[in-house]
Amino acid sequence: MTPQEKAFHLYFSFVRDIIGDSEKAKQCALKVVNEMLNDHLSNKTKRYGRERYYFWQQVKQEIDGI
């Protein structure tokens, strides 16, 4: 899944299934992404950690653009 696809999946999951309010859904999706970034921050020195950290940064940028 690309970062853009993941961003839309998270965002629309919150809009459709939970909240219905697009701005609140965006805030919730960003909270999820921030948690993922924090999880991968400690492993950022390892290749996999860097790749995942970079992926979640891209997802966050995509959600910010929604």
PDB file of N, CA and C in Angstrom:
ATOM      1  N   MET A   1       0.854  -1.169   0.000  1.00  0.00           N
ATOM      2  CA  MET A   1       0.000   0.000   0.000  1.00  0.00           C
ATOM      3  C   MET A   1       0.905   1.238   0.000  1.00  0.00           C
ATOM      4  N   THR A   2       0.578   2.175  -0.860  1.00  0.00           N
ATOM      5  CA  THR A   2       1.372   3.407  -0.915  1.00  0.00           C
ATOM      6  C   THR A   2       0.997   4.316   0.254  1.00  0.00           C
ATOM      7  N   PRO A   3       1.849   5.307   0.569  1.00  0.00           N
ATOM      8  CA  PRO A   3       1.497   6.251   1.627  1.00  0.00           C
ATOM      9  C   PRO A   3       0.176   6.978   1.343  1.00  0.00           C
ATOM     10  N   GLN A   4      -0.060   7.317   0.090  1.00  0.00           N
ATOM     11  CA  GLN A   4      -1.303   8.002  -0.258  1.00  0.00           C
ATOM     12  C   GLN A   4      -2.513   7.093  -0.018  1.00  0.00           C
ATOM     13  N   GLU A   5      -2.399   5.839  -0.431  1.00  0.00           N
ATOM     14  CA  GLU A   5      -3.496   4.896  -0.208  1.00  0.00           C
ATOM     15  C   GLU A   5      -3.750   4.692   1.284  1.00  0.00           C
ATOM     16  N   LYS A   6      -2.679   4.573   2.065  1.00  0.00           N
ATOM     17  CA  LYS A   6      -2.813   4.381   3.510  1.00  0.00           C
ATOM     18  C   LYS A   6      -3.479   5.596   4.143  1.00  0.00           C
ATOM     19  N   ALA A   7      -3.067   6.792   3.727  1.00  0.00           N
ATOM     20  CA  ALA A   7      -3.647   8.023   4.265  1.00  0.00           C
ATOM     21  C   ALA A   7      -5.153   8.073   4.014  1.00  0.00           C
ATOM     22  N   PHE A   8      -5.557   7.802   2.781  1.00  0.00           N
ATOM     23  CA  PHE A   8      -6.980   7.821   2.456  1.00  0.00           C
ATOM     24  C   PHE A   8      -7.740   6.728   3.197  1.00  0.00           C
ATOM     25  N   HIS A   9      -7.125   5.561   3.325  1.00  0.00           N
ATOM     26  CA  HIS A   9      -7.764   4.465   4.051  1.00  0.00           C
ATOM     27  C   HIS A   9      -8.024   4.854   5.505  1.00  0.00           C
ATOM     28  N   LEU A  10      -7.010   5.391   6.179  1.00  0.00           N
ATOM     29  CA  LEU A  10      -7.187   5.806   7.576  1.00  0.00           C
ATOM     30  C   LEU A  10      -8.245   6.895   7.700  1.00  0.00           C
ATOM     31  N   TYR A  11      -8.104   7.910   6.881  1.00  0.00           N
ATOM     32  CA  TYR A  11      -9.013   9.059   6.948  1.00  0.00           C
ATOM     33  C   TYR A  11     -10.462   8.636   6.704  1.00  0.00           C
ATOM     34  N   PHE A  12     -10.698   7.921   5.609  1.00  0.00           N
ATOM     35  CA  PHE A  12     -12.066   7.559   5.270  1.00  0.00           C
ATOM     36  C   PHE A  12     -12.646   6.502   6.202  1.00  0.00           C
ATOM     37  N   SER A  13     -11.782   5.705   6.821  1.00  0.00           N
ATOM     38  CA  SER A  13     -12.275   4.765   7.830  1.00  0.00           C
ATOM     39  C   SER A  13     -12.889   5.516   9.003  1.00  0.00           C
ATOM     40  N   PHE A  14     -12.224   6.581   9.431  1.00  0.00           N
ATOM     41  CA  PHE A  14     -12.761   7.381  10.528  1.00  0.00           C
ATOM     42  C   PHE A  14     -14.024   8.129  10.104  1.00  0.00           C
ATOM     43  N   VAL A  15     -14.025   8.684   8.918  1.00  0.00           N
ATOM     44  CA  VAL A  15     -15.205   9.427   8.444  1.00  0.00           C
ATOM     45  C   VAL A  15     -16.406   8.505   8.325  1.00  0.00           C
ATOM     46  N   ARG A  16     -16.233   7.402   7.645  1.00  0.00           N
ATOM     47  CA  ARG A  16     -17.341   6.500   7.338  1.00  0.00           C
ATOM     48  C   ARG A  16     -17.825   5.724   8.560  1.00  0.00           C
ATOM     49  N   ASP A  17     -16.900   5.143   9.289  1.00  0.00           N
ATOM     50  CA  ASP A  17     -17.279   4.182  10.320  1.00  0.00           C
ATOM     51  C   ASP A  17     -17.462   4.777  11.706  1.00  0.00           C
ATOM     52  N   ILE A  18     -16.803   5.860  11.995  1.00  0.00           N
ATOM     53  CA  ILE A  18     -16.789   6.306  13.382  1.00  0.00           C
ATOM     54  C   ILE A  18     -17.364   7.696  13.567  1.00  0.00           C
ATOM     55  N   ILE A  19     -16.881   8.640  12.837  1.00  0.00           N
ATOM     56  CA  ILE A  19     -17.134  10.022  13.203  1.00  0.00           C
ATOM     57  C   ILE A  19     -18.154  10.725  12.307  1.00  0.00           C
ATOM     58  N   GLY A  20     -17.947  10.706  11.017  1.00  0.00           N
ATOM     59  CA  GLY A  20     -18.819  11.424  10.105  1.00  0.00           C
ATOM     60  C   GLY A  20     -18.408  12.870   9.901  1.00  0.00           C
ATOM     61  N   ASP A  21     -17.585  13.416  10.778  1.00  0.00           N
ATOM     62  CA  ASP A  21     -17.097  14.792  10.678  1.00  0.00           C
ATOM     63  C   ASP A  21     -15.692  14.748  10.092  1.00  0.00           C
ATOM     64  N   SER A  22     -15.511  15.348   8.916  1.00  0.00           N
ATOM     65  CA  SER A  22     -14.241  15.216   8.209  1.00  0.00           C
ATOM     66  C   SER A  22     -13.055  15.814   8.966  1.00  0.00           C
ATOM     67  N   GLU A  23     -13.231  16.927   9.649  1.00  0.00           N
ATOM     68  CA  GLU A  23     -12.108  17.534  10.378  1.00  0.00           C
ATOM     69  C   GLU A  23     -11.715  16.692  11.588  1.00  0.00           C
ATOM     70  N   LYS A  24     -12.694  16.164  12.299  1.00  0.00           N
ATOM     71  CA  LYS A  24     -12.383  15.285  13.434  1.00  0.00           C
ATOM     72  C   LYS A  24     -11.738  13.997  12.945  1.00  0.00           C
ATOM     73  N   ALA A  25     -12.201  13.491  11.815  1.00  0.00           N
ATOM     74  CA  ALA A  25     -11.615  12.279  11.248  1.00  0.00           C
ATOM     75  C   ALA A  25     -10.151  12.509  10.895  1.00  0.00           C
ATOM     76  N   LYS A  26      -9.862  13.668  10.344  1.00  0.00           N
ATOM     77  CA  LYS A  26      -8.487  14.017  10.001  1.00  0.00           C
ATOM     78  C   LYS A  26      -7.621  14.055  11.258  1.00  0.00           C
ATOM     79  N   GLN A  27      -8.124  14.659  12.323  1.00  0.00           N
ATOM     80  CA  GLN A  27      -7.381  14.727  13.589  1.00  0.00           C
ATOM     81  C   GLN A  27      -7.125  13.336  14.146  1.00  0.00           C
ATOM     82  N   CYS A  28      -8.105  12.465  14.087  1.00  0.00           N
ATOM     83  CA  CYS A  28      -7.943  11.093  14.579  1.00  0.00           C
ATOM     84  C   CYS A  28      -6.925  10.322  13.742  1.00  0.00           C
ATOM     85  N   ALA A  29      -7.002  10.462  12.449  1.00  0.00           N
ATOM     86  CA  ALA A  29      -6.058   9.775  11.570  1.00  0.00           C
ATOM     87  C   ALA A  29      -4.627  10.259  11.844  1.00  0.00           C
ATOM     88  N   LEU A  30      -4.464  11.553  12.078  1.00  0.00           N
ATOM     89  CA  LEU A  30      -3.139  12.091  12.392  1.00  0.00           C
ATOM     90  C   LEU A  30      -2.624  11.574  13.728  1.00  0.00           C
ATOM     91  N   LYS A  31      -3.514  11.372  14.684  1.00  0.00           N
ATOM     92  CA  LYS A  31      -3.092  10.798  15.969  1.00  0.00           C
ATOM     93  C   LYS A  31      -2.550   9.383  15.780  1.00  0.00           C
ATOM     94  N   VAL A  32      -3.220   8.607  14.946  1.00  0.00           N
ATOM     95  CA  VAL A  32      -2.764   7.249  14.658  1.00  0.00           C
ATOM     96  C   VAL A  32      -1.373   7.298  14.015  1.00  0.00           C
ATOM     97  N   VAL A  33      -1.203   8.168  13.048  1.00  0.00           N
ATOM     98  CA  VAL A  33       0.081   8.280  12.354  1.00  0.00           C
ATOM     99  C   VAL A  33       1.176   8.739  13.307  1.00  0.00           C
ATOM    100  N   ASN A  34       0.869   9.693  14.169  1.00  0.00           N
ATOM    101  CA  ASN A  34       1.870  10.153  15.135  1.00  0.00           C
ATOM    102  C   ASN A  34       2.301   9.021  16.063  1.00  0.00           C
ATOM    103  N   GLU A  35       1.377   8.162  16.441  1.00  0.00           N
ATOM    104  CA  GLU A  35       1.733   7.002  17.263  1.00  0.00           C
ATOM    105  C   GLU A  35       2.676   6.075  16.499  1.00  0.00           C
ATOM    106  N   MET A  36       2.384   5.862  15.231  1.00  0.00           N
ATOM    107  CA  MET A  36       3.259   5.005  14.423  1.00  0.00           C
ATOM    108  C   MET A  36       4.637   5.635  14.276  1.00  0.00           C
ATOM    109  N   LEU A  37       4.693   6.940  14.081  1.00  0.00           N
ATOM    110  CA  LEU A  37       5.983   7.626  13.981  1.00  0.00           C
ATOM    111  C   LEU A  37       6.775   7.485  15.277  1.00  0.00           C
ATOM    112  N   ASN A  38       6.109   7.634  16.399  1.00  0.00           N
ATOM    113  CA  ASN A  38       6.786   7.486  17.689  1.00  0.00           C
ATOM    114  C   ASN A  38       7.311   6.067  17.875  1.00  0.00           C
ATOM    115  N   ASP A  39       6.534   5.083  17.445  1.00  0.00           N
ATOM    116  CA  ASP A  39       6.971   3.687  17.555  1.00  0.00           C
ATOM    117  C   ASP A  39       8.220   3.421  16.725  1.00  0.00           C
ATOM    118  N   HIS A  40       8.285   3.994  15.538  1.00  0.00           N
ATOM    119  CA  HIS A  40       9.406   3.736  14.641  1.00  0.00           C
ATOM    120  C   HIS A  40      10.583   4.677  14.885  1.00  0.00           C
ATOM    121  N   LEU A  41      10.388   5.708  15.677  1.00  0.00           N
ATOM    122  CA  LEU A  41      11.462   6.664  15.942  1.00  0.00           C
ATOM    123  C   LEU A  41      12.654   5.991  16.618  1.00  0.00           C
ATOM    124  N   SER A  42      12.401   5.104  17.556  1.00  0.00           N
ATOM    125  CA  SER A  42      13.493   4.453  18.273  1.00  0.00           C
ATOM    126  C   SER A  42      14.265   3.482  17.374  1.00  0.00           C
ATOM    127  N   ASN A  43      13.642   2.999  16.323  1.00  0.00           N
ATOM    128  CA  ASN A  43      14.300   2.063  15.400  1.00  0.00           C
ATOM    129  C   ASN A  43      14.785   2.747  14.127  1.00  0.00           C
ATOM    130  N   LYS A  44      14.794   4.074  14.129  1.00  0.00           N
ATOM    131  CA  LYS A  44      15.113   4.814  12.918  1.00  0.00           C
ATOM    132  C   LYS A  44      16.535   4.543  12.414  1.00  0.00           C
ATOM    133  N   THR A  45      17.408   4.067  13.280  1.00  0.00           N
ATOM    134  CA  THR A  45      18.783   3.804  12.850  1.00  0.00           C
ATOM    135  C   THR A  45      18.900   2.493  12.079  1.00  0.00           C
ATOM    136  N   LYS A  46      17.930   1.624  12.208  1.00  0.00           N
ATOM    137  CA  LYS A  46      17.938   0.364  11.461  1.00  0.00           C
ATOM    138  C   LYS A  46      17.216   0.567  10.138  1.00  0.00           C
ATOM    139  N   ARG A  47      17.606  -0.191   9.134  1.00  0.00           N
ATOM    140  CA  ARG A  47      17.044  -0.010   7.794  1.00  0.00           C
ATOM    141  C   ARG A  47      15.526  -0.105   7.783  1.00  0.00           C
ATOM    142  N   TYR A  48      14.990  -1.171   8.372  1.00  0.00           N
ATOM    143  CA  TYR A  48      13.535  -1.335   8.392  1.00  0.00           C
ATOM    144  C   TYR A  48      12.871  -0.171   9.118  1.00  0.00           C
ATOM    145  N   GLY A  49      13.441   0.238  10.241  1.00  0.00           N
ATOM    146  CA  GLY A  49      12.887   1.350  11.005  1.00  0.00           C
ATOM    147  C   GLY A  49      12.873   2.641  10.204  1.00  0.00           C
ATOM    148  N   ARG A  50      13.951   2.886   9.469  1.00  0.00           N
ATOM    149  CA  ARG A  50      14.019   4.091   8.624  1.00  0.00           C
ATOM    150  C   ARG A  50      12.948   4.051   7.551  1.00  0.00           C
ATOM    151  N   GLU A  51      12.813   2.883   6.916  1.00  0.00           N
ATOM    152  CA  GLU A  51      11.818   2.755   5.851  1.00  0.00           C
ATOM    153  C   GLU A  51      10.411   2.981   6.382  1.00  0.00           C
ATOM    154  N   ARG A  52      10.084   2.386   7.529  1.00  0.00           N
ATOM    155  CA  ARG A  52       8.756   2.546   8.105  1.00  0.00           C
ATOM    156  C   ARG A  52       8.531   3.981   8.582  1.00  0.00           C
ATOM    157  N   TYR A  53       9.556   4.574   9.191  1.00  0.00           N
ATOM    158  CA  TYR A  53       9.441   5.955   9.656  1.00  0.00           C
ATOM    159  C   TYR A  53       9.173   6.878   8.470  1.00  0.00           C
ATOM    160  N   TYR A  54       9.941   6.697   7.404  1.00  0.00           N
ATOM    161  CA  TYR A  54       9.756   7.509   6.204  1.00  0.00           C
ATOM    162  C   TYR A  54       8.359   7.291   5.618  1.00  0.00           C
ATOM    163  N   PHE A  55       7.896   6.039   5.563  1.00  0.00           N
ATOM    164  CA  PHE A  55       6.554   5.724   5.059  1.00  0.00           C
ATOM    165  C   PHE A  55       5.496   6.493   5.849  1.00  0.00           C
ATOM    166  N   TRP A  56       5.577   6.434   7.193  1.00  0.00           N
ATOM    167  CA  TRP A  56       4.559   7.098   8.022  1.00  0.00           C
ATOM    168  C   TRP A  56       4.657   8.613   7.931  1.00  0.00           C
ATOM    169  N   GLN A  57       5.855   9.144   7.677  1.00  0.00           N
ATOM    170  CA  GLN A  57       5.969  10.594   7.449  1.00  0.00           C
ATOM    171  C   GLN A  57       5.211  10.977   6.178  1.00  0.00           C
ATOM    172  N   GLN A  58       5.330  10.150   5.159  1.00  0.00           N
ATOM    173  CA  GLN A  58       4.619  10.414   3.901  1.00  0.00           C
ATOM    174  C   GLN A  58       3.111  10.309   4.091  1.00  0.00           C
ATOM    175  N   VAL A  59       2.685   9.328   4.875  1.00  0.00           N
ATOM    176  CA  VAL A  59       1.256   9.176   5.156  1.00  0.00           C
ATOM    177  C   VAL A  59       0.742  10.435   5.858  1.00  0.00           C
ATOM    178  N   LYS A  60       1.514  10.930   6.826  1.00  0.00           N
ATOM    179  CA  LYS A  60       1.114  12.146   7.554  1.00  0.00           C
ATOM    180  C   LYS A  60       0.978  13.332   6.598  1.00  0.00           C
ATOM    181  N   GLN A  61       1.915  13.477   5.669  1.00  0.00           N
ATOM    182  CA  GLN A  61       1.832  14.568   4.704  1.00  0.00           C
ATOM    183  C   GLN A  61       0.594  14.439   3.824  1.00  0.00           C
ATOM    184  N   GLU A  62       0.271  13.223   3.449  1.00  0.00           N
ATOM    185  CA  GLU A  62      -0.924  13.000   2.632  1.00  0.00           C
ATOM    186  C   GLU A  62      -2.189  13.377   3.398  1.00  0.00           C
ATOM    187  N   ILE A  63      -2.261  12.980   4.671  1.00  0.00           N
ATOM    188  CA  ILE A  63      -3.445  13.308   5.480  1.00  0.00           C
ATOM    189  C   ILE A  63      -3.544  14.814   5.666  1.00  0.00           C
ATOM    190  N   ASP A  64      -2.417  15.475   5.895  1.00  0.00           N
ATOM    191  CA  ASP A  64      -2.423  16.941   6.032  1.00  0.00           C
ATOM    192  C   ASP A  64      -2.992  17.610   4.791  1.00  0.00           C
ATOM    193  N   GLY A  65      -2.791  16.981   3.643  1.00  0.00           N
ATOM    194  CA  GLY A  65      -3.268  17.550   2.378  1.00  0.00           C
ATOM    195  C   GLY A  65      -4.721  17.277   2.066  1.00  0.00           C
ATOM    196  N   ILE A  66      -5.372  16.454   2.873  1.00  0.00           N
ATOM    197  CA  ILE A  66      -6.779  16.111   2.618  1.00  0.00           C
ATOM    198  C   ILE A  66      -7.667  17.282   3.038  1.00  0.00           C
TER     199      ILE A  66
END
